[in-house]
Every structure is written in structure tokens, then in C-alpha cells.
N, C-alpha and C. Protein backbone atom coordinates (compact mmCIF):
# COMPACT_ATOMS: atom_id res chain seq x y z
N MET A 1 105.44 56.15 81.55
CA MET A 1 104.54 56.82 80.43
C MET A 1 104.38 58.34 81.05
N ARG A 2 104.34 58.67 82.17
CA ARG A 2 104.14 60.12 82.60
C ARG A 2 105.56 60.97 82.06
N ASP A 3 106.67 60.23 82.44
CA ASP A 3 108.09 60.75 82.06
C ASP A 3 108.07 61.04 80.50
N ASN A 4 107.65 60.15 79.64
CA ASN A 4 107.62 60.28 78.30
C ASN A 4 106.66 61.57 77.91
N LEU A 5 105.44 61.66 78.59
CA LEU A 5 104.69 62.99 78.30
C LEU A 5 105.31 64.10 78.67
N SER A 6 106.04 64.19 79.73
CA SER A 6 106.79 65.40 80.09
C SER A 6 107.97 65.82 79.06
N GLU A 7 108.68 64.84 78.73
CA GLU A 7 109.68 64.80 77.75
C GLU A 7 109.10 65.30 76.44
N VAL A 8 107.96 64.92 75.95
CA VAL A 8 107.40 65.22 74.78
C VAL A 8 107.10 66.64 74.82
N ALA A 9 106.49 67.24 76.04
CA ALA A 9 106.32 68.59 76.17
C ALA A 9 107.41 69.40 76.06
N ARG A 10 108.42 68.98 76.76
CA ARG A 10 109.80 69.88 76.86
C ARG A 10 110.16 69.78 75.38
N ILE A 11 110.28 68.87 74.54
CA ILE A 11 110.75 68.79 73.28
C ILE A 11 109.73 69.61 72.32
N ARG A 12 108.61 69.56 72.41
CA ARG A 12 107.61 70.43 71.80
C ARG A 12 107.76 71.91 71.93
N GLN A 13 108.06 72.34 73.22
CA GLN A 13 108.35 73.63 73.58
C GLN A 13 109.71 74.12 72.88
N GLN A 14 110.75 73.24 73.01
CA GLN A 14 112.03 73.49 72.40
C GLN A 14 111.87 73.83 70.75
N ILE A 15 111.00 72.88 70.15
CA ILE A 15 110.61 73.23 68.62
C ILE A 15 109.95 74.50 68.40
N ALA A 16 109.08 74.81 69.34
CA ALA A 16 108.36 75.98 69.22
C ALA A 16 109.28 77.24 69.17
N GLU A 17 110.10 77.09 70.22
CA GLU A 17 111.08 78.30 70.44
C GLU A 17 111.91 78.43 69.24
N GLU A 18 112.58 77.26 68.78
CA GLU A 18 113.48 77.28 67.56
C GLU A 18 112.88 77.84 66.51
N TYR A 19 111.61 77.36 66.33
CA TYR A 19 110.89 77.78 64.91
C TYR A 19 110.51 79.47 64.97
N ALA A 20 110.17 79.63 66.24
CA ALA A 20 109.83 81.11 66.40
C ALA A 20 111.24 82.17 66.23
N ALA A 21 112.27 81.61 66.60
CA ALA A 21 113.60 82.22 66.55
C ALA A 21 113.90 82.22 65.06
N ALA A 22 113.77 81.16 64.32
CA ALA A 22 114.11 81.10 62.86
C ALA A 22 113.36 82.14 62.05
N ARG A 23 111.92 82.29 62.31
CA ARG A 23 111.12 83.28 61.81
C ARG A 23 111.50 84.65 62.05
N ARG A 24 111.91 84.82 63.42
CA ARG A 24 112.45 86.23 63.58
C ARG A 24 113.61 86.43 62.90
N GLY A 25 114.24 85.55 62.62
CA GLY A 25 115.47 85.76 61.72
C GLY A 25 115.38 86.03 60.40
N LEU A 26 114.20 85.58 59.90
CA LEU A 26 113.93 85.95 58.45
C LEU A 26 113.37 87.39 58.40
N GLU A 27 112.66 88.10 59.56
CA GLU A 27 111.97 89.16 59.48
C GLU A 27 112.90 90.32 60.18
N GLY A 28 113.69 90.08 61.03
CA GLY A 28 114.42 91.12 61.90
C GLY A 28 115.64 91.35 61.39
N PRO A 29 116.20 92.40 62.00
CA PRO A 29 117.35 92.71 61.52
C PRO A 29 118.50 91.59 61.97
N ALA A 30 119.63 91.50 60.99
CA ALA A 30 120.50 90.41 61.19
C ALA A 30 121.67 90.59 61.85
N ILE A 31 121.98 90.12 62.89
CA ILE A 31 123.30 90.40 63.67
C ILE A 31 124.60 89.42 63.02
N ILE A 32 124.18 88.24 62.90
CA ILE A 32 125.03 87.41 62.07
C ILE A 32 124.34 87.13 60.75
N SER A 33 125.02 86.46 60.12
CA SER A 33 124.41 85.80 58.68
C SER A 33 122.94 85.13 59.03
N ARG A 34 121.92 85.67 58.13
CA ARG A 34 120.62 85.07 58.41
C ARG A 34 120.62 83.60 58.06
N HIS A 35 121.43 83.29 57.15
CA HIS A 35 121.56 81.67 56.66
C HIS A 35 121.89 80.87 57.95
N GLU A 36 123.19 81.49 58.35
CA GLU A 36 123.85 80.75 59.55
C GLU A 36 122.68 80.44 60.70
N PHE A 37 122.17 81.78 60.90
CA PHE A 37 121.16 81.61 62.24
C PHE A 37 120.17 80.87 61.89
N ILE A 38 119.51 80.77 60.81
CA ILE A 38 118.32 79.94 60.54
C ILE A 38 118.59 78.47 60.45
N ALA A 39 119.77 78.30 59.81
CA ALA A 39 120.30 76.91 59.61
C ALA A 39 120.42 76.05 61.14
N THR A 40 121.05 76.85 61.89
CA THR A 40 121.21 76.57 63.30
C THR A 40 119.89 76.26 63.98
N ARG A 41 119.02 77.02 63.79
CA ARG A 41 117.54 76.86 64.41
C ARG A 41 117.04 75.60 63.93
N MET A 42 117.02 75.29 62.44
CA MET A 42 116.64 74.26 61.82
C MET A 42 117.25 72.85 62.29
N ASP A 43 118.46 72.97 62.44
CA ASP A 43 119.45 71.99 62.87
C ASP A 43 118.96 71.41 64.24
N ASN A 44 118.54 72.62 65.21
CA ASN A 44 118.22 72.28 66.39
C ASN A 44 116.74 71.68 66.37
N MET A 45 115.90 71.98 65.52
CA MET A 45 114.51 71.41 65.37
C MET A 45 114.75 70.08 64.96
N GLY A 46 115.80 69.66 64.12
CA GLY A 46 116.02 68.37 63.60
C GLY A 46 116.46 67.35 64.81
N ARG A 47 117.24 68.07 65.67
CA ARG A 47 117.69 67.02 66.60
C ARG A 47 116.53 66.85 67.72
N SER A 48 115.56 67.77 67.94
CA SER A 48 114.44 67.74 68.53
C SER A 48 113.36 66.66 67.89
N TYR A 49 113.24 66.70 66.81
CA TYR A 49 112.45 65.73 66.00
C TYR A 49 113.03 64.39 66.38
N HIS A 50 114.38 64.27 66.21
CA HIS A 50 115.00 62.88 66.29
C HIS A 50 114.68 62.30 67.73
N GLU A 51 114.71 63.21 68.87
CA GLU A 51 114.18 62.83 70.10
C GLU A 51 112.88 62.23 70.22
N LEU A 52 111.91 63.30 69.46
CA LEU A 52 110.51 62.68 69.54
C LEU A 52 110.35 61.41 68.69
N SER A 53 110.95 61.12 67.73
CA SER A 53 110.81 59.91 66.89
C SER A 53 111.35 58.70 67.86
N GLU A 54 112.30 58.82 68.70
CA GLU A 54 112.79 57.87 69.44
C GLU A 54 111.59 57.46 70.51
N LEU A 55 111.03 58.46 70.98
CA LEU A 55 110.05 58.31 72.02
C LEU A 55 108.75 57.93 71.52
N LEU A 56 108.31 58.38 70.33
CA LEU A 56 106.96 58.20 69.92
C LEU A 56 106.75 57.47 68.52
N GLY A 57 107.93 57.29 67.79
CA GLY A 57 107.82 56.72 66.48
C GLY A 57 107.72 57.81 65.51
N GLU A 58 108.12 57.72 64.13
CA GLU A 58 108.37 58.66 63.11
C GLU A 58 106.98 59.36 62.79
N GLN A 59 106.01 58.61 62.61
CA GLN A 59 104.78 59.20 62.04
C GLN A 59 104.11 60.11 63.12
N GLU A 60 104.17 59.71 64.49
CA GLU A 60 103.62 60.60 65.57
C GLU A 60 104.49 61.73 65.71
N ALA A 61 106.02 61.54 65.78
CA ALA A 61 106.70 62.69 65.71
C ALA A 61 106.60 63.58 64.80
N ILE A 62 106.44 63.39 63.53
CA ILE A 62 106.13 64.26 62.38
C ILE A 62 104.74 65.21 62.80
N LYS A 63 103.82 64.43 63.23
CA LYS A 63 102.55 65.00 63.40
C LYS A 63 102.75 65.95 64.75
N VAL A 64 103.49 65.71 65.76
CA VAL A 64 103.63 66.74 66.82
C VAL A 64 104.31 67.87 66.33
N VAL A 65 105.43 67.78 65.56
CA VAL A 65 106.24 68.80 65.07
C VAL A 65 105.20 69.93 64.14
N ALA A 66 104.65 69.27 63.31
CA ALA A 66 103.62 69.89 62.40
C ALA A 66 102.64 70.78 63.39
N GLU A 67 101.88 69.91 64.29
CA GLU A 67 101.16 70.60 65.09
C GLU A 67 101.81 71.92 66.01
N THR A 68 103.02 71.79 66.20
CA THR A 68 103.72 72.69 66.89
C THR A 68 103.93 73.93 66.14
N ILE A 69 104.38 73.78 64.95
CA ILE A 69 104.91 75.07 64.21
C ILE A 69 103.72 75.35 63.40
N TRP A 70 102.63 74.65 63.15
CA TRP A 70 101.48 75.14 62.38
C TRP A 70 100.13 74.89 63.08
N PRO A 71 99.96 75.39 64.40
CA PRO A 71 98.81 74.94 64.98
C PRO A 71 97.38 75.11 64.52
N THR A 72 97.34 75.93 63.57
CA THR A 72 95.95 76.00 63.09
C THR A 72 95.66 75.13 61.87
N LEU A 73 96.51 74.35 61.37
CA LEU A 73 96.20 73.40 60.34
C LEU A 73 95.53 72.26 60.86
């Protein structure tokens, strides 16, 4: 169980970092195509969500992602 908690924390951090990078891609100067940059970040978030859903189940994984990218909701 402890291993799962640390794995969830790692994945949650990865999602937060990818989401922040995608937002910066919308707001900052583009080095590469904004679409390509943002799509890559969203793909990475999708893989992280898949890992979470294997550990926690789909509903809990969705909840963790939502709480991670929208912490004030």
C-alpha cells in the first residue's frame, strides 16, 4: 500500500508539471509549434492518468487528476 501511495504522489507531480508546461505553452513565446508542444504535454498527462487508473481505478484517477490541475475546485 505504501508503494502505491508514493507512486500516486509521483504520478500526481508529473501531471502537475505537464499541465503547468502546457499552460506556459499557451502563454509564453513558442520555440516549436504551440500545438505540438501542448499536444505532447496532454499525451504525457494521458499516460499518467492511465497509470493512476491502473493503481486506483478510473473514478479515483479522474478525481486525483482534477484535484491536481484545479486544486481550488
